[in-house]
C-alpha atoms as a PDB file:
ATOM      1  CA  MET A   1      10.297 -14.431   2.025  1.00  0.00           C
ATOM      2  CA  ILE A   2       7.075 -12.145   1.598  1.00  0.00           C
ATOM      3  CA  SER A   3       7.538  -9.163  -0.634  1.00  0.00           C
ATOM      4  CA  VAL A   4       5.878  -6.017   0.500  1.00  0.00           C
ATOM      5  CA  LEU A   5       5.656  -3.084  -1.700  1.00  0.00           C
ATOM      6  CA  VAL A   6       5.657   0.323  -0.022  1.00  0.00           C
ATOM      7  CA  ILE A   7       4.221   3.162  -1.939  1.00  0.00           C
ATOM      8  CA  ASP A   8       3.714   6.610  -0.202  1.00  0.00           C
ATOM      9  CA  ASP A   9       5.257  10.051  -1.257  1.00  0.00           C
ATOM     10  CA  ASP A  10       5.891  10.987   2.430  1.00  0.00           C
ATOM     11  CA  ILE A  11       9.684   9.548   2.870  1.00  0.00           C
ATOM     12  CA  VAL A  12       9.660   9.391   6.798  1.00  0.00           C
ATOM     13  CA  LEU A  13       6.542   7.516   6.891  1.00  0.00           C
ATOM     14  CA  ARG A  14       8.207   5.417   3.898  1.00  0.00           C
ATOM     15  CA  THR A  15      11.673   4.663   5.358  1.00  0.00           C
ATOM     16  CA  THR A  16       9.931   4.046   8.847  1.00  0.00           C
ATOM     17  CA  ILE A  17       7.573   1.589   7.324  1.00  0.00           C
ATOM     18  CA  ARG A  18      10.697  -0.573   5.758  1.00  0.00           C
ATOM     19  CA  GLY A  19      12.466  -0.549   8.834  1.00  0.00           C
ATOM     20  CA  PHE A  20       9.657  -1.965  10.434  1.00  0.00           C
ATOM     21  CA  LEU A  21       8.863  -4.466   8.168  1.00  0.00           C
ATOM     22  CA  GLU A  22      12.522  -5.426   7.622  1.00  0.00           C
ATOM     23  CA  LEU A  23      12.552  -5.897  11.104  1.00  0.00           C
ATOM     24  CA  GLN A  24       9.677  -8.383  10.937  1.00  0.00           C
ATOM     25  CA  GLY A  25      11.645 -10.516   8.230  1.00  0.00           C
ATOM     26  CA  TYR A  26       9.738  -9.098   4.966  1.00  0.00           C
ATOM     27  CA  ASN A  27      11.876  -8.258   1.804  1.00  0.00           C
ATOM     28  CA  VAL A  28      10.783  -4.558   1.319  1.00  0.00           C
ATOM     29  CA  ILE A  29      10.710  -2.729  -1.669  1.00  0.00           C
ATOM     30  CA  ILE A  30       9.737   0.953  -1.664  1.00  0.00           C
ATOM     31  CA  VAL A  31       8.508   3.769  -4.014  1.00  0.00           C
ATOM     32  CA  GLU A  32       7.324   7.265  -4.050  1.00  0.00           C
ATOM     33  CA  ASN A  33       4.287   7.400  -6.261  1.00  0.00           C
ATOM     34  CA  GLY A  34       1.667   5.724  -7.936  1.00  0.00           C
ATOM     35  CA  GLU A  35       3.294   5.503 -11.199  1.00  0.00           C
ATOM     36  CA  ASP A  36       6.389   3.793 -10.052  1.00  0.00           C
ATOM     37  CA  GLY A  37       4.142   1.450  -7.778  1.00  0.00           C
ATOM     38  CA  LEU A  38       2.329   0.241 -10.878  1.00  0.00           C
ATOM     39  CA  GLU A  39       5.619  -0.399 -12.972  1.00  0.00           C
ATOM     40  CA  ILE A  40       7.183  -2.264  -9.807  1.00  0.00           C
ATOM     41  CA  ALA A  41       4.285  -4.153  -9.031  1.00  0.00           C
ATOM     42  CA  ARG A  42       3.855  -5.514 -12.514  1.00  0.00           C
ATOM     43  CA  ARG A  43       7.503  -6.330 -12.605  1.00  0.00           C
ATOM     44  CA  PHE A  44       8.057  -7.858  -9.428  1.00  0.00           C
ATOM     45  CA  LEU A  45       4.757  -9.226  -8.251  1.00  0.00           C
ATOM     46  CA  PRO A  46       4.865  -8.635  -4.619  1.00  0.00           C
ATOM     47  CA  ASP A  47       3.015 -10.598  -1.846  1.00  0.00           C
ATOM     48  CA  LEU A  48       1.336  -7.407  -0.783  1.00  0.00           C
ATOM     49  CA  ILE A  49       1.508  -3.661  -1.440  1.00  0.00           C
ATOM     50  CA  ILE A  50       0.775  -1.003   1.279  1.00  0.00           C
ATOM     51  CA  SER A  51      -0.218   2.223   0.067  1.00  0.00           C
ATOM     52  CA  ASP A  52      -0.978   5.664   0.438  1.00  0.00           C
ATOM     53  CA  VAL A  53      -4.151   7.019  -0.816  1.00  0.00           C
ATOM     54  CA  ASN A  54      -3.309  10.809  -1.714  1.00  0.00           C
ATOM     55  CA  MET A  55      -0.223  11.080  -3.810  1.00  0.00           C
ATOM     56  CA  PRO A  56       0.711  13.241  -6.317  1.00  0.00           C
ATOM     57  CA  GLY A  57      -0.231  12.038  -9.825  1.00  0.00           C
ATOM     58  CA  LYS A  58      -1.613   8.616  -9.688  1.00  0.00           C
ATOM     59  CA  ASP A  59      -3.385   8.105  -6.262  1.00  0.00           C
ATOM     60  CA  GLY A  60      -4.359   5.096  -4.441  1.00  0.00           C
ATOM     61  CA  TYR A  61      -7.513   4.489  -5.726  1.00  0.00           C
ATOM     62  CA  GLN A  62      -6.422   4.942  -9.431  1.00  0.00           C
ATOM     63  CA  LEU A  63      -3.449   2.645  -8.563  1.00  0.00           C
ATOM     64  CA  LYS A  64      -5.730   0.219  -6.787  1.00  0.00           C
ATOM     65  CA  GLU A  65      -8.340   0.203 -10.129  1.00  0.00           C
ATOM     66  CA  GLU A  66      -5.021   0.040 -12.383  1.00  0.00           C
ATOM     67  CA  LEU A  67      -3.775  -3.296 -10.327  1.00  0.00           C
ATOM     68  CA  SER A  68      -7.862  -5.166 -10.437  1.00  0.00           C
ATOM     69  CA  SER A  69      -7.660  -4.612 -13.750  1.00  0.00           C
ATOM     70  CA  ASP A  70      -4.849  -6.288 -14.926  1.00  0.00           C
ATOM     71  CA  GLU A  71      -5.295 -10.186 -14.371  1.00  0.00           C
ATOM     72  CA  ILE A  72      -1.657 -10.336 -13.118  1.00  0.00           C
ATOM     73  CA  THR A  73      -1.758  -8.000 -10.150  1.00  0.00           C
ATOM     74  CA  ALA A  74      -5.402  -8.156  -9.570  1.00  0.00           C
ATOM     75  CA  LEU A  75      -5.162 -10.780  -6.750  1.00  0.00           C
ATOM     76  CA  ILE A  76      -2.282  -9.031  -4.838  1.00  0.00           C
ATOM     77  CA  PRO A  77      -3.600  -7.757  -1.191  1.00  0.00           C
ATOM     78  CA  PHE A  78      -3.755  -4.095  -0.735  1.00  0.00           C
ATOM     79  CA  ILE A  79      -3.447  -2.534   2.321  1.00  0.00           C
ATOM     80  CA  TYR A  80      -4.001   1.455   1.831  1.00  0.00           C
ATOM     81  CA  LEU A  81      -3.040   4.351   4.129  1.00  0.00           C
ATOM     82  CA  THR A  82      -4.772   7.725   4.608  1.00  0.00           C
ATOM     83  CA  SER A  83      -4.554  10.527   6.728  1.00  0.00           C
ATOM     84  CA  LEU A  84      -8.441  11.253   5.767  1.00  0.00           C
ATOM     85  CA  SER A  85     -11.233   9.843   8.186  1.00  0.00           C
ATOM     86  CA  GLU A  86     -14.243  10.019   6.155  1.00  0.00           C
ATOM     87  CA  ARG A  87     -16.532   7.023   6.146  1.00  0.00           C
ATOM     88  CA  GLU A  88     -16.980   8.043   2.501  1.00  0.00           C
ATOM     89  CA  ASP A  89     -13.500   7.538   1.836  1.00  0.00           C
ATOM     90  CA  SER A  90     -13.297   4.461   3.609  1.00  0.00           C
ATOM     91  CA  ARG A  91     -16.238   3.216   1.289  1.00  0.00           C
ATOM     92  CA  LYS A  92     -14.890   4.125  -2.369  1.00  0.00           C
ATOM     93  CA  GLY A  93     -11.965   2.178  -0.834  1.00  0.00           C
ATOM     94  CA  MET A  94     -13.863  -0.964   0.058  1.00  0.00           C
ATOM     95  CA  ALA A  95     -15.649  -0.847  -3.068  1.00  0.00           C
ATOM     96  CA  LEU A  96     -12.496  -0.512  -4.838  1.00  0.00           C
ATOM     97  CA  GLY A  97     -11.738  -4.039  -2.928  1.00  0.00           C
ATOM     98  CA  LEU A  98      -9.007  -2.825  -0.637  1.00  0.00           C
ATOM     99  CA  MET A  99      -8.268  -5.314   2.040  1.00  0.00           C
ATOM    100  CA  ILE A 100      -7.390  -3.062   5.165  1.00  0.00           C
ATOM    101  CA  ILE A 101      -7.623   0.666   5.562  1.00  0.00           C
ATOM    102  CA  LEU A 102      -5.121   2.294   8.123  1.00  0.00           C
ATOM    103  CA  GLN A 103      -4.766   5.731   9.212  1.00  0.00           C
ATOM    104  CA  ASN A 104      -1.632   6.882   8.338  1.00  0.00           C
ATOM    105  CA  ARG A 105      -0.139   7.594  11.780  1.00  0.00           C
ATOM    106  CA  PHE A 106       2.578   4.830  11.997  1.00  0.00           C
ATOM    107  CA  ARG A 107       1.682   2.738  15.141  1.00  0.00           C
ATOM    108  CA  GLN A 108       3.820  -0.577  15.040  1.00  0.00           C
ATOM    109  CA  LYS A 109       0.535  -2.297  16.847  1.00  0.00           C
ATOM    110  CA  ASN A 110      -1.294  -1.319  13.764  1.00  0.00           C
ATOM    111  CA  TYR A 111       1.162  -2.859  11.463  1.00  0.00           C
ATOM    112  CA  ASN A 112       1.690  -6.113  13.401  1.00  0.00           C
ATOM    113  CA  GLN A 113      -2.040  -7.448  13.757  1.00  0.00           C
ATOM    114  CA  ARG A 114      -2.263  -6.069   9.997  1.00  0.00           C
ATOM    115  CA  LEU A 115       0.509  -8.073   8.864  1.00  0.00           C
ATOM    116  CA  LYS A 116      -0.341 -11.468  10.126  1.00  0.00           C
END
């Protein structure tokens, strides 16, 4: 079964994404911040990480940088969620090797397309 780690400080979004992914047959782990996300990613080595970019403490950019610097987690595909729509933020994410950037408004159709 494919495992997905969802990292977001917004409990509603986090649980909505988890519910949707579980209905699609994914094994989902959810955490609320980048520090916990880093620990869980290293411990469970998920097949995919979906992370918010704006979180208290370790943000999505810092999380991706740390995961990329660790040879064990460097190759885990990473999708980041953001409410930011600025091109500069998208460029920064792409420079870090982020696979896909989705705006934080949950749309089931967008997730179906991106996960396949």
